[in-house]
Amino acid sequence: MPDGLYWVWAEATDKLGHTTYSAMVPFIIDNHPPEKPQLYVNDPEGDGYDTDGTVTWYWNESTDEGSGVDYYVIDITYSESPQHIQTKVFGTTFTYSDLTDGTWQLKSRQSTRQVTRASGLI
């Protein structure tokens, strides 16, 4: 189905031909992912190293013309062990403390909103 706002309703007819209708319920089809955010790390020295174990990442707000962006998922992995950190973020910054020495990788993805409200009657 193409992107857009649609309405759905149910119709029931008994064996004698009596018909009734449900309320109309809106839903949105959004086939396009949100814009990819640009991810940055707080690196005051500009050398790619952190010395206190606390790192702040930030990114530009992602947009989605269809259903909008609901939240971001931050996924942090450590190259030298199976340690894995994943969390939901509702803003555009994330700070993590107590990182051990080594190379860490952060990935982000965004999740879109879903319309679940119902309104209208026939």
PDB file of N, CA and C in Angstrom:
ATOM      1  N   MET A   1       0.838  -1.176   0.000  1.00  0.00           N
ATOM      2  CA  MET A   1       0.000   0.000   0.000  1.00  0.00           C
ATOM      3  C   MET A   1       0.885   1.242   0.000  1.00  0.00           C
ATOM      4  N   PRO A   2       0.488   2.262  -0.693  1.00  0.00           N
ATOM      5  CA  PRO A   2       1.271   3.500  -0.679  1.00  0.00           C
ATOM      6  C   PRO A   2       1.163   4.219   0.668  1.00  0.00           C
ATOM      7  N   ASP A   3       2.138   5.090   0.955  1.00  0.00           N
ATOM      8  CA  ASP A   3       2.110   5.890   2.174  1.00  0.00           C
ATOM      9  C   ASP A   3       0.816   6.687   2.244  1.00  0.00           C
ATOM     10  N   GLY A   4       0.343   6.895   3.468  1.00  0.00           N
ATOM     11  CA  GLY A   4      -0.820   7.754   3.643  1.00  0.00           C
ATOM     12  C   GLY A   4      -1.692   7.325   4.804  1.00  0.00           C
ATOM     13  N   LEU A   5      -2.737   8.104   5.041  1.00  0.00           N
ATOM     14  CA  LEU A   5      -3.711   7.840   6.087  1.00  0.00           C
ATOM     15  C   LEU A   5      -4.855   7.021   5.494  1.00  0.00           C
ATOM     16  N   TYR A   6      -5.203   5.938   6.168  1.00  0.00           N
ATOM     17  CA  TYR A   6      -6.287   5.068   5.735  1.00  0.00           C
ATOM     18  C   TYR A   6      -7.262   4.877   6.894  1.00  0.00           C
ATOM     19  N   TRP A   7      -8.478   4.469   6.566  1.00  0.00           N
ATOM     20  CA  TRP A   7      -9.509   4.167   7.556  1.00  0.00           C
ATOM     21  C   TRP A   7     -10.013   2.755   7.307  1.00  0.00           C
ATOM     22  N   VAL A   8     -10.294   2.040   8.365  1.00  0.00           N
ATOM     23  CA  VAL A   8     -10.817   0.678   8.240  1.00  0.00           C
ATOM     24  C   VAL A   8     -12.024   0.532   9.168  1.00  0.00           C
ATOM     25  N   TRP A   9     -12.977  -0.287   8.777  1.00  0.00           N
ATOM     26  CA  TRP A   9     -14.126  -0.605   9.612  1.00  0.00           C
ATOM     27  C   TRP A   9     -14.580  -2.008   9.265  1.00  0.00           C
ATOM     28  N   ALA A  10     -15.355  -2.568  10.157  1.00  0.00           N
ATOM     29  CA  ALA A  10     -15.888  -3.915   9.943  1.00  0.00           C
ATOM     30  C   ALA A  10     -17.399  -3.829   9.737  1.00  0.00           C
ATOM     31  N   GLU A  11     -17.881  -4.736   8.915  1.00  0.00           N
ATOM     32  CA  GLU A  11     -19.318  -4.826   8.636  1.00  0.00           C
ATOM     33  C   GLU A  11     -19.738  -6.261   8.959  1.00  0.00           C
ATOM     34  N   ALA A  12     -20.842  -6.393   9.706  1.00  0.00           N
ATOM     35  CA  ALA A  12     -21.357  -7.732  10.035  1.00  0.00           C
ATOM     36  C   ALA A  12     -22.799  -7.838   9.544  1.00  0.00           C
ATOM     37  N   THR A  13     -23.109  -8.947   8.877  1.00  0.00           N
ATOM     38  CA  THR A  13     -24.462  -9.183   8.367  1.00  0.00           C
ATOM     39  C   THR A  13     -24.919 -10.557   8.838  1.00  0.00           C
ATOM     40  N   ASP A  14     -26.094 -10.612   9.451  1.00  0.00           N
ATOM     41  CA  ASP A  14     -26.597 -11.908   9.916  1.00  0.00           C
ATOM     42  C   ASP A  14     -27.341 -12.628   8.792  1.00  0.00           C
ATOM     43  N   LYS A  15     -27.862 -13.823   9.064  1.00  0.00           N
ATOM     44  CA  LYS A  15     -28.515 -14.658   8.047  1.00  0.00           C
ATOM     45  C   LYS A  15     -29.824 -14.059   7.529  1.00  0.00           C
ATOM     46  N   LEU A  16     -30.379 -13.112   8.273  1.00  0.00           N
ATOM     47  CA  LEU A  16     -31.615 -12.464   7.836  1.00  0.00           C
ATOM     48  C   LEU A  16     -31.349 -11.180   7.073  1.00  0.00           C
ATOM     49  N   GLY A  17     -30.064 -10.831   6.886  1.00  0.00           N
ATOM     50  CA  GLY A  17     -29.715  -9.650   6.113  1.00  0.00           C
ATOM     51  C   GLY A  17     -29.573  -8.365   6.914  1.00  0.00           C
ATOM     52  N   HIS A  18     -29.635  -8.449   8.242  1.00  0.00           N
ATOM     53  CA  HIS A  18     -29.435  -7.260   9.077  1.00  0.00           C
ATOM     54  C   HIS A  18     -27.948  -6.940   9.147  1.00  0.00           C
ATOM     55  N   THR A  19     -27.612  -5.687   8.907  1.00  0.00           N
ATOM     56  CA  THR A  19     -26.201  -5.290   8.842  1.00  0.00           C
ATOM     57  C   THR A  19     -25.894  -4.235   9.897  1.00  0.00           C
ATOM     58  N   THR A  20     -24.726  -4.321  10.461  1.00  0.00           N
ATOM     59  CA  THR A  20     -24.226  -3.322  11.413  1.00  0.00           C
ATOM     60  C   THR A  20     -22.760  -3.033  11.084  1.00  0.00           C
ATOM     61  N   TYR A  21     -22.294  -1.866  11.520  1.00  0.00           N
ATOM     62  CA  TYR A  21     -20.931  -1.440  11.203  1.00  0.00           C
ATOM     63  C   TYR A  21     -20.184  -1.048  12.479  1.00  0.00           C
ATOM     64  N   SER A  22     -18.913  -1.309  12.482  1.00  0.00           N
ATOM     65  CA  SER A  22     -18.066  -0.866  13.597  1.00  0.00           C
ATOM     66  C   SER A  22     -17.715   0.601  13.429  1.00  0.00           C
ATOM     67  N   ALA A  23     -17.058   1.153  14.426  1.00  0.00           N
ATOM     68  CA  ALA A  23     -16.506   2.503  14.303  1.00  0.00           C
ATOM     69  C   ALA A  23     -15.361   2.468  13.295  1.00  0.00           C
ATOM     70  N   MET A  24     -15.110   3.588  12.659  1.00  0.00           N
ATOM     71  CA  MET A  24     -13.966   3.695  11.735  1.00  0.00           C
ATOM     72  C   MET A  24     -12.701   3.918  12.566  1.00  0.00           C
ATOM     73  N   VAL A  25     -11.626   3.268  12.162  1.00  0.00           N
ATOM     74  CA  VAL A  25     -10.357   3.377  12.872  1.00  0.00           C
ATOM     75  C   VAL A  25      -9.287   3.832  11.877  1.00  0.00           C
ATOM     76  N   PRO A  26      -8.564   4.929  12.191  1.00  0.00           N
ATOM     77  CA  PRO A  26      -7.521   5.400  11.275  1.00  0.00           C
ATOM     78  C   PRO A  26      -6.206   4.644  11.483  1.00  0.00           C
ATOM     79  N   PHE A  27      -5.425   4.514  10.423  1.00  0.00           N
ATOM     80  CA  PHE A  27      -4.057   4.001  10.543  1.00  0.00           C
ATOM     81  C   PHE A  27      -3.218   4.619   9.440  1.00  0.00           C
ATOM     82  N   ILE A  28      -1.909   4.676   9.684  1.00  0.00           N
ATOM     83  CA  ILE A  28      -0.972   5.305   8.745  1.00  0.00           C
ATOM     84  C   ILE A  28      -0.035   4.249   8.182  1.00  0.00           C
ATOM     85  N   ILE A  29       0.163   4.270   6.880  1.00  0.00           N
ATOM     86  CA  ILE A  29       1.187   3.443   6.233  1.00  0.00           C
ATOM     87  C   ILE A  29       2.391   4.358   5.979  1.00  0.00           C
ATOM     88  N   ASP A  30       3.526   3.957   6.486  1.00  0.00           N
ATOM     89  CA  ASP A  30       4.770   4.720   6.331  1.00  0.00           C
ATOM     90  C   ASP A  30       5.849   3.731   5.905  1.00  0.00           C
ATOM     91  N   ASN A  31       6.165   3.695   4.623  1.00  0.00           N
ATOM     92  CA  ASN A  31       7.126   2.734   4.071  1.00  0.00           C
ATOM     93  C   ASN A  31       8.563   3.240   4.062  1.00  0.00           C
ATOM     94  N   HIS A  32       8.811   4.434   4.594  1.00  0.00           N
ATOM     95  CA  HIS A  32      10.142   5.030   4.505  1.00  0.00           C
ATOM     96  C   HIS A  32      10.780   5.167   5.886  1.00  0.00           C
ATOM     97  N   PRO A  33      12.051   4.802   6.018  1.00  0.00           N
ATOM     98  CA  PRO A  33      12.730   4.948   7.310  1.00  0.00           C
ATOM     99  C   PRO A  33      13.023   6.421   7.597  1.00  0.00           C
ATOM    100  N   PRO A  34      13.281   6.750   8.865  1.00  0.00           N
ATOM    101  CA  PRO A  34      13.665   8.123   9.198  1.00  0.00           C
ATOM    102  C   PRO A  34      15.039   8.458   8.612  1.00  0.00           C
ATOM    103  N   GLU A  35      15.350   9.758   8.576  1.00  0.00           N
ATOM    104  CA  GLU A  35      16.688  10.194   8.170  1.00  0.00           C
ATOM    105  C   GLU A  35      17.725   9.606   9.118  1.00  0.00           C
ATOM    106  N   LYS A  36      18.881   9.289   8.591  1.00  0.00           N
ATOM    107  CA  LYS A  36      19.970   8.763   9.404  1.00  0.00           C
ATOM    108  C   LYS A  36      20.604   9.915  10.189  1.00  0.00           C
ATOM    109  N   PRO A  37      20.677   9.808  11.536  1.00  0.00           N
ATOM    110  CA  PRO A  37      21.290  10.895  12.300  1.00  0.00           C
ATOM    111  C   PRO A  37      22.819  10.874  12.167  1.00  0.00           C
ATOM    112  N   GLN A  38      23.441  12.046  12.288  1.00  0.00           N
ATOM    113  CA  GLN A  38      24.903  12.148  12.332  1.00  0.00           C
ATOM    114  C   GLN A  38      25.313  12.006  13.790  1.00  0.00           C
ATOM    115  N   LEU A  39      26.207  11.080  14.081  1.00  0.00           N
ATOM    116  CA  LEU A  39      26.614  10.760  15.442  1.00  0.00           C
ATOM    117  C   LEU A  39      27.991  11.366  15.736  1.00  0.00           C
ATOM    118  N   TYR A  40      28.118  12.004  16.913  1.00  0.00           N
ATOM    119  CA  TYR A  40      29.374  12.635  17.328  1.00  0.00           C
ATOM    120  C   TYR A  40      29.715  12.185  18.740  1.00  0.00           C
ATOM    121  N   VAL A  41      30.986  12.235  19.082  1.00  0.00           N
ATOM    122  CA  VAL A  41      31.423  11.929  20.444  1.00  0.00           C
ATOM    123  C   VAL A  41      32.060  13.174  21.035  1.00  0.00           C
ATOM    124  N   ASN A  42      31.829  13.385  22.332  1.00  0.00           N
ATOM    125  CA  ASN A  42      32.436  14.504  23.029  1.00  0.00           C
ATOM    126  C   ASN A  42      33.916  14.186  23.211  1.00  0.00           C
ATOM    127  N   ASP A  43      34.762  14.826  22.431  1.00  0.00           N
ATOM    128  CA  ASP A  43      36.211  14.570  22.435  1.00  0.00           C
ATOM    129  C   ASP A  43      36.950  15.915  22.481  1.00  0.00           C
ATOM    130  N   PRO A  44      37.051  16.536  23.689  1.00  0.00           N
ATOM    131  CA  PRO A  44      37.637  17.878  23.795  1.00  0.00           C
ATOM    132  C   PRO A  44      39.032  17.995  23.189  1.00  0.00           C
ATOM    133  N   GLU A  45      39.856  16.948  23.300  1.00  0.00           N
ATOM    134  CA  GLU A  45      41.211  17.015  22.748  1.00  0.00           C
ATOM    135  C   GLU A  45      41.251  16.730  21.250  1.00  0.00           C
ATOM    136  N   GLY A  46      40.178  16.129  20.723  1.00  0.00           N
ATOM    137  CA  GLY A  46      40.118  15.838  19.298  1.00  0.00           C
ATOM    138  C   GLY A  46      41.033  14.713  18.856  1.00  0.00           C
ATOM    139  N   ASP A  47      41.455  13.859  19.802  1.00  0.00           N
ATOM    140  CA  ASP A  47      42.390  12.787  19.448  1.00  0.00           C
ATOM    141  C   ASP A  47      41.749  11.397  19.430  1.00  0.00           C
ATOM    142  N   GLY A  48      40.447  11.305  19.719  1.00  0.00           N
ATOM    143  CA  GLY A  48      39.762  10.014  19.706  1.00  0.00           C
ATOM    144  C   GLY A  48      39.942   9.203  20.971  1.00  0.00           C
ATOM    145  N   TYR A  49      40.568   9.787  22.009  1.00  0.00           N
ATOM    146  CA  TYR A  49      40.810   9.063  23.257  1.00  0.00           C
ATOM    147  C   TYR A  49      40.039   9.702  24.402  1.00  0.00           C
ATOM    148  N   ASP A  50      39.657   8.873  25.357  1.00  0.00           N
ATOM    149  CA  ASP A  50      39.010   9.331  26.575  1.00  0.00           C
ATOM    150  C   ASP A  50      39.877   8.887  27.742  1.00  0.00           C
ATOM    151  N   THR A  51      40.029   9.717  28.763  1.00  0.00           N
ATOM    152  CA  THR A  51      40.917   9.362  29.877  1.00  0.00           C
ATOM    153  C   THR A  51      40.200   9.167  31.203  1.00  0.00           C
ATOM    154  N   ASP A  52      38.914   9.527  31.293  1.00  0.00           N
ATOM    155  CA  ASP A  52      38.244   9.391  32.590  1.00  0.00           C
ATOM    156  C   ASP A  52      37.160   8.310  32.609  1.00  0.00           C
ATOM    157  N   GLY A  53      36.929   7.619  31.495  1.00  0.00           N
ATOM    158  CA  GLY A  53      35.944   6.536  31.459  1.00  0.00           C
ATOM    159  C   GLY A  53      34.508   6.991  31.273  1.00  0.00           C
ATOM    160  N   THR A  54      34.290   8.300  31.122  1.00  0.00           N
ATOM    161  CA  THR A  54      32.952   8.828  30.886  1.00  0.00           C
ATOM    162  C   THR A  54      32.913   9.464  29.502  1.00  0.00           C
ATOM    163  N   VAL A  55      31.997   8.992  28.679  1.00  0.00           N
ATOM    164  CA  VAL A  55      31.910   9.486  27.304  1.00  0.00           C
ATOM    165  C   VAL A  55      30.476   9.951  27.038  1.00  0.00           C
ATOM    166  N   THR A  56      30.353  11.077  26.341  1.00  0.00           N
ATOM    167  CA  THR A  56      29.048  11.571  25.922  1.00  0.00           C
ATOM    168  C   THR A  56      28.992  11.568  24.402  1.00  0.00           C
ATOM    169  N   TRP A  57      27.945  10.930  23.873  1.00  0.00           N
ATOM    170  CA  TRP A  57      27.695  10.937  22.443  1.00  0.00           C
ATOM    171  C   TRP A  57      26.495  11.831  22.190  1.00  0.00           C
ATOM    172  N   TYR A  58      26.451  12.480  21.053  1.00  0.00           N
ATOM    173  CA  TYR A  58      25.301  13.290  20.686  1.00  0.00           C
ATOM    174  C   TYR A  58      25.113  13.208  19.184  1.00  0.00           C
ATOM    175  N   TRP A  59      23.925  13.547  18.751  1.00  0.00           N
ATOM    176  CA  TRP A  59      23.581  13.438  17.336  1.00  0.00           C
ATOM    177  C   TRP A  59      22.508  14.474  17.018  1.00  0.00           C
ATOM    178  N   ASN A  60      22.393  14.777  15.711  1.00  0.00           N
ATOM    179  CA  ASN A  60      21.334  15.680  15.279  1.00  0.00           C
ATOM    180  C   ASN A  60      20.000  14.939  15.323  1.00  0.00           C
ATOM    181  N   GLU A  61      18.931  15.677  15.529  1.00  0.00           N
ATOM    182  CA  GLU A  61      17.613  15.071  15.588  1.00  0.00           C
ATOM    183  C   GLU A  61      17.243  14.515  14.220  1.00  0.00           C
ATOM    184  N   SER A  62      16.848  13.270  14.186  1.00  0.00           N
ATOM    185  CA  SER A  62      16.428  12.627  12.950  1.00  0.00           C
ATOM    186  C   SER A  62      14.985  13.015  12.655  1.00  0.00           C
ATOM    187  N   THR A  63      14.620  13.043  11.379  1.00  0.00           N
ATOM    188  CA  THR A  63      13.248  13.385  11.015  1.00  0.00           C
ATOM    189  C   THR A  63      12.619  12.253  10.205  1.00  0.00           C
ATOM    190  N   ASP A  64      11.310  12.207  10.259  1.00  0.00           N
ATOM    191  CA  ASP A  64      10.549  11.235   9.480  1.00  0.00           C
ATOM    192  C   ASP A  64       9.233  11.901   9.122  1.00  0.00           C
ATOM    193  N   GLU A  65       9.024  12.162   7.847  1.00  0.00           N
ATOM    194  CA  GLU A  65       7.820  12.885   7.407  1.00  0.00           C
ATOM    195  C   GLU A  65       6.544  12.071   7.590  1.00  0.00           C
ATOM    196  N   GLY A  66       6.664  10.759   7.652  1.00  0.00           N
ATOM    197  CA  GLY A  66       5.469   9.920   7.768  1.00  0.00           C
ATOM    198  C   GLY A  66       4.951   9.854   9.184  1.00  0.00           C
ATOM    199  N   SER A  67       5.525   8.989   9.998  1.00  0.00           N
ATOM    200  CA  SER A  67       5.002   8.775  11.346  1.00  0.00           C
ATOM    201  C   SER A  67       5.805   9.482  12.426  1.00  0.00           C
ATOM    202  N   GLY A  68       6.926  10.089  12.082  1.00  0.00           N
ATOM    203  CA  GLY A  68       7.738  10.784  13.085  1.00  0.00           C
ATOM    204  C   GLY A  68       8.672   9.842  13.817  1.00  0.00           C
ATOM    205  N   VAL A  69       9.662  10.398  14.504  1.00  0.00           N
ATOM    206  CA  VAL A  69      10.631   9.606  15.268  1.00  0.00           C
ATOM    207  C   VAL A  69      10.168   9.534  16.715  1.00  0.00           C
ATOM    208  N   ASP A  70      10.133   8.335  17.274  1.00  0.00           N
ATOM    209  CA  ASP A  70       9.700   8.136  18.651  1.00  0.00           C
ATOM    210  C   ASP A  70      10.889   8.118  19.603  1.00  0.00           C
ATOM    211  N   TYR A  71      11.935   7.339  19.293  1.00  0.00           N
ATOM    212  CA  TYR A  71      13.105   7.240  20.157  1.00  0.00           C
ATOM    213  C   TYR A  71      14.279   6.703  19.360  1.00  0.00           C
ATOM    214  N   TYR A  72      15.466   6.724  19.974  1.00  0.00           N
ATOM    215  CA  TYR A  72      16.687   6.189  19.385  1.00  0.00           C
ATOM    216  C   TYR A  72      17.127   4.986  20.206  1.00  0.00           C
ATOM    217  N   VAL A  73      17.734   4.012  19.561  1.00  0.00           N
ATOM    218  CA  VAL A  73      18.321   2.879  20.266  1.00  0.00           C
ATOM    219  C   VAL A  73      19.832   3.011  20.143  1.00  0.00           C
ATOM    220  N   ILE A  74      20.496   3.061  21.298  1.00  0.00           N
ATOM    221  CA  ILE A  74      21.949   3.169  21.345  1.00  0.00           C
ATOM    222  C   ILE A  74      22.506   1.781  21.633  1.00  0.00           C
ATOM    223  N   ASP A  75      23.455   1.359  20.836  1.00  0.00           N
ATOM    224  CA  ASP A  75      24.055   0.032  20.944  1.00  0.00           C
ATOM    225  C   ASP A  75      25.571   0.216  21.042  1.00  0.00           C
ATOM    226  N   ILE A  76      26.147  -0.105  22.208  1.00  0.00           N
ATOM    227  CA  ILE A  76      27.586   0.074  22.427  1.00  0.00           C
ATOM    228  C   ILE A  76      28.229  -1.300  22.565  1.00  0.00           C
ATOM    229  N   THR A  77      29.259  -1.557  21.777  1.00  0.00           N
ATOM    230  CA  THR A  77      29.973  -2.832  21.844  1.00  0.00           C
ATOM    231  C   THR A  77      31.456  -2.584  22.116  1.00  0.00           C
ATOM    232  N   TYR A  78      32.076  -3.538  22.769  1.00  0.00           N
ATOM    233  CA  TYR A  78      33.488  -3.482  23.126  1.00  0.00           C
ATOM    234  C   TYR A  78      34.222  -4.499  22.257  1.00  0.00           C
ATOM    235  N   SER A  79      35.229  -4.041  21.535  1.00  0.00           N
ATOM    236  CA  SER A  79      35.892  -4.899  20.546  1.00  0.00           C
ATOM    237  C   SER A  79      36.642  -6.079  21.154  1.00  0.00           C
ATOM    238  N   GLU A  80      36.988  -6.011  22.429  1.00  0.00           N
ATOM    239  CA  GLU A  80      37.828  -7.057  23.026  1.00  0.00           C
ATOM    240  C   GLU A  80      37.068  -8.009  23.942  1.00  0.00           C
ATOM    241  N   SER A  81      35.734  -7.918  23.967  1.00  0.00           N
ATOM    242  CA  SER A  81      34.949  -8.840  24.791  1.00  0.00           C
ATOM    243  C   SER A  81      33.509  -8.849  24.279  1.00  0.00           C
ATOM    244  N   PRO A  82      32.708  -9.771  24.777  1.00  0.00           N
ATOM    245  CA  PRO A  82      31.311  -9.803  24.344  1.00  0.00           C
ATOM    246  C   PRO A  82      30.444  -8.767  25.065  1.00  0.00           C
ATOM    247  N   GLN A  83      31.058  -7.874  25.859  1.00  0.00           N
ATOM    248  CA  GLN A  83      30.287  -6.866  26.571  1.00  0.00           C
ATOM    249  C   GLN A  83      29.470  -6.042  25.581  1.00  0.00           C
ATOM    250  N   HIS A  84      28.212  -5.832  25.926  1.00  0.00           N
ATOM    251  CA  HIS A  84      27.266  -5.200  25.007  1.00  0.00           C
ATOM    252  C   HIS A  84      26.294  -4.361  25.838  1.00  0.00           C
ATOM    253  N   ILE A  85      26.102  -3.119  25.462  1.00  0.00           N
ATOM    254  CA  ILE A  85      25.189  -2.217  26.167  1.00  0.00           C
ATOM    255  C   ILE A  85      24.179  -1.713  25.145  1.00  0.00           C
ATOM    256  N   GLN A  86      22.897  -1.842  25.460  1.00  0.00           N
ATOM    257  CA  GLN A  86      21.865  -1.330  24.559  1.00  0.00           C
ATOM    258  C   GLN A  86      20.805  -0.629  25.399  1.00  0.00           C
ATOM    259  N   THR A  87      20.396   0.565  24.953  1.00  0.00           N
ATOM    260  CA  THR A  87      19.391   1.317  25.697  1.00  0.00           C
ATOM    261  C   THR A  87      18.580   2.195  24.761  1.00  0.00           C
ATOM    262  N   LYS A  88      17.382   2.542  25.193  1.00  0.00           N
ATOM    263  CA  LYS A  88      16.496   3.443  24.471  1.00  0.00           C
ATOM    264  C   LYS A  88      16.758   4.862  24.961  1.00  0.00           C
ATOM    265  N   VAL A  89      16.844   5.822  24.043  1.00  0.00           N
ATOM    266  CA  VAL A  89      17.080   7.221  24.394  1.00  0.00           C
ATOM    267  C   VAL A  89      15.996   8.065  23.716  1.00  0.00           C
ATOM    268  N   PHE A  90      15.387   8.961  24.489  1.00  0.00           N
ATOM    269  CA  PHE A  90      14.315   9.798  23.953  1.00  0.00           C
ATOM    270  C   PHE A  90      14.796  11.201  23.590  1.00  0.00           C
ATOM    271  N   GLY A  91      16.074  11.479  23.740  1.00  0.00           N
ATOM    272  CA  GLY A  91      16.653  12.769  23.371  1.00  0.00           C
ATOM    273  C   GLY A  91      17.734  12.583  22.331  1.00  0.00           C
ATOM    274  N   THR A  92      18.695  13.510  22.297  1.00  0.00           N
ATOM    275  CA  THR A  92      19.768  13.437  21.300  1.00  0.00           C
ATOM    276  C   THR A  92      21.149  13.424  21.939  1.00  0.00           C
ATOM    277  N   THR A  93      21.250  13.006  23.216  1.00  0.00           N
ATOM    278  CA  THR A  93      22.547  12.808  23.863  1.00  0.00           C
ATOM    279  C   THR A  93      22.484  11.564  24.733  1.00  0.00           C
ATOM    280  N   PHE A  94      23.638  10.954  24.930  1.00  0.00           N
ATOM    281  CA  PHE A  94      23.746   9.791  25.808  1.00  0.00           C
ATOM    282  C   PHE A  94      25.128   9.794  26.444  1.00  0.00           C
ATOM    283  N   THR A  95      25.184   9.667  27.772  1.00  0.00           N
ATOM    284  CA  THR A  95      26.450   9.620  28.501  1.00  0.00           C
ATOM    285  C   THR A  95      26.560   8.283  29.196  1.00  0.00           C
ATOM    286  N   TYR A  96      27.756   7.683  29.109  1.00  0.00           N
ATOM    287  CA  TYR A  96      28.012   6.413  29.790  1.00  0.00           C
ATOM    288  C   TYR A  96      29.310   6.534  30.556  1.00  0.00           C
ATOM    289  N   SER A  97      29.305   6.039  31.790  1.00  0.00           N
ATOM    290  CA  SER A  97      30.493   6.100  32.646  1.00  0.00           C
ATOM    291  C   SER A  97      31.046   4.700  32.891  1.00  0.00           C
ATOM    292  N   ASP A  98      32.232   4.646  33.424  1.00  0.00           N
ATOM    293  CA  ASP A  98      32.904   3.395  33.807  1.00  0.00           C
ATOM    294  C   ASP A  98      33.247   2.500  32.620  1.00  0.00           C
ATOM    295  N   LEU A  99      33.582   3.090  31.486  1.00  0.00           N
ATOM    296  CA  LEU A  99      34.057   2.293  30.362  1.00  0.00           C
ATOM    297  C   LEU A  99      35.492   1.860  30.645  1.00  0.00           C
ATOM    298  N   THR A 100      35.793   0.611  30.382  1.00  0.00           N
ATOM    299  CA  THR A 100      37.158   0.118  30.571  1.00  0.00           C
ATOM    300  C   THR A 100      38.014   0.515  29.374  1.00  0.00           C
ATOM    301  N   ASP A 101      39.337   0.451  29.534  1.00  0.00           N
ATOM    302  CA  ASP A 101      40.248   0.768  28.434  1.00  0.00           C
ATOM    303  C   ASP A 101      39.988  -0.170  27.260  1.00  0.00           C
ATOM    304  N   GLY A 102      40.068   0.344  26.066  1.00  0.00           N
ATOM    305  CA  GLY A 102      39.861  -0.455  24.866  1.00  0.00           C
ATOM    306  C   GLY A 102      39.142   0.341  23.798  1.00  0.00           C
ATOM    307  N   THR A 103      38.791  -0.334  22.728  1.00  0.00           N
ATOM    308  CA  THR A 103      38.094   0.298  21.619  1.00  0.00           C
ATOM    309  C   THR A 103      36.611  -0.036  21.712  1.00  0.00           C
ATOM    310  N   TRP A 104      35.789   0.993  21.781  1.00  0.00           N
ATOM    311  CA  TRP A 104      34.345   0.851  21.879  1.00  0.00           C
ATOM    312  C   TRP A 104      33.709   1.357  20.601  1.00  0.00           C
ATOM    313  N   GLN A 105      32.592   0.769  20.233  1.00  0.00           N
ATOM    314  CA  GLN A 105      31.865   1.193  19.037  1.00  0.00           C
ATOM    315  C   GLN A 105      30.429   1.492  19.439  1.00  0.00           C
ATOM    316  N   LEU A 106      29.894   2.608  18.973  1.00  0.00           N
ATOM    317  CA  LEU A 106      28.511   2.972  19.246  1.00  0.00           C
ATOM    318  C   LEU A 106      27.752   3.046  17.939  1.00  0.00           C
ATOM    319  N   LYS A 107      26.570   2.451  17.919  1.00  0.00           N
ATOM    320  CA  LYS A 107      25.665   2.534  16.767  1.00  0.00           C
ATOM    321  C   LYS A 107      24.348   3.080  17.282  1.00  0.00           C
ATOM    322  N   SER A 108      23.649   3.828  16.450  1.00  0.00           N
ATOM    323  CA  SER A 108      22.320   4.289  16.842  1.00  0.00           C
ATOM    324  C   SER A 108      21.346   3.949  15.725  1.00  0.00           C
ATOM    325  N   ARG A 109      20.111   3.741  16.114  1.00  0.00           N
ATOM    326  CA  ARG A 109      19.031   3.596  15.146  1.00  0.00           C
ATOM    327  C   ARG A 109      17.818   4.269  15.750  1.00  0.00           C
ATOM    328  N   GLN A 110      16.914   4.685  14.918  1.00  0.00           N
ATOM    329  CA  GLN A 110      15.739   5.382  15.401  1.00  0.00           C
ATOM    330  C   GLN A 110      14.498   4.551  15.134  1.00  0.00           C
ATOM    331  N   SER A 111      13.509   4.738  15.977  1.00  0.00           N
ATOM    332  CA  SER A 111      12.254   4.016  15.840  1.00  0.00           C
ATOM    333  C   SER A 111      11.145   5.031  15.592  1.00  0.00           C
ATOM    334  N   THR A 112      10.229   4.697  14.683  1.00  0.00           N
ATOM    335  CA  THR A 112       9.155   5.627  14.347  1.00  0.00           C
ATOM    336  C   THR A 112       7.938   5.393  15.226  1.00  0.00           C
ATOM    337  N   ARG A 113       7.088   6.386  15.274  1.00  0.00           N
ATOM    338  CA  ARG A 113       5.841   6.307  16.043  1.00  0.00           C
ATOM    339  C   ARG A 113       4.833   5.435  15.304  1.00  0.00           C
ATOM    340  N   GLN A 114       3.909   4.904  16.054  1.00  0.00           N
ATOM    341  CA  GLN A 114       2.808   4.160  15.450  1.00  0.00           C
ATOM    342  C   GLN A 114       1.501   4.778  15.921  1.00  0.00           C
ATOM    343  N   VAL A 115       0.574   4.977  15.012  1.00  0.00           N
ATOM    344  CA  VAL A 115      -0.716   5.545  15.375  1.00  0.00           C
ATOM    345  C   VAL A 115      -1.613   4.416  15.861  1.00  0.00           C
ATOM    346  N   THR A 116      -2.134   4.552  17.075  1.00  0.00           N
ATOM    347  CA  THR A 116      -2.983   3.501  17.630  1.00  0.00           C
ATOM    348  C   THR A 116      -4.298   4.059  18.165  1.00  0.00           C
ATOM    349  N   ARG A 117      -4.648   5.271  17.799  1.00  0.00           N
ATOM    350  CA  ARG A 117      -5.876   5.853  18.305  1.00  0.00           C
ATOM    351  C   ARG A 117      -7.035   5.533  17.351  1.00  0.00           C
ATOM    352  N   ALA A 118      -8.223   5.506  17.896  1.00  0.00           N
ATOM    353  CA  ALA A 118      -9.402   5.263  17.080  1.00  0.00           C
ATOM    354  C   ALA A 118     -10.365   6.432  17.239  1.00  0.00           C
ATOM    355  N   SER A 119     -11.000   6.815  16.175  1.00  0.00           N
ATOM    356  CA  SER A 119     -11.990   7.886  16.265  1.00  0.00           C
ATOM    357  C   SER A 119     -12.963   7.798  15.102  1.00  0.00           C
ATOM    358  N   GLY A 120     -14.049   8.475  15.231  1.00  0.00           N
ATOM    359  CA  GLY A 120     -15.023   8.568  14.144  1.00  0.00           C
ATOM    360  C   GLY A 120     -16.062   7.461  14.180  1.00  0.00           C
ATOM    361  N   LEU A 121     -17.209   7.766  13.670  1.00  0.00           N
ATOM    362  CA  LEU A 121     -18.291   6.802  13.554  1.00  0.00           C
ATOM    363  C   LEU A 121     -18.905   6.904  12.170  1.00  0.00           C
ATOM    364  N   ILE A 122     -19.510   5.834  11.739  1.00  0.00           N
ATOM    365  CA  ILE A 122     -20.234   5.881  10.458  1.00  0.00           C
ATOM    366  C   ILE A 122     -21.647   6.307  10.747  1.00  0.00           C
TER     367      ILE A 122
END
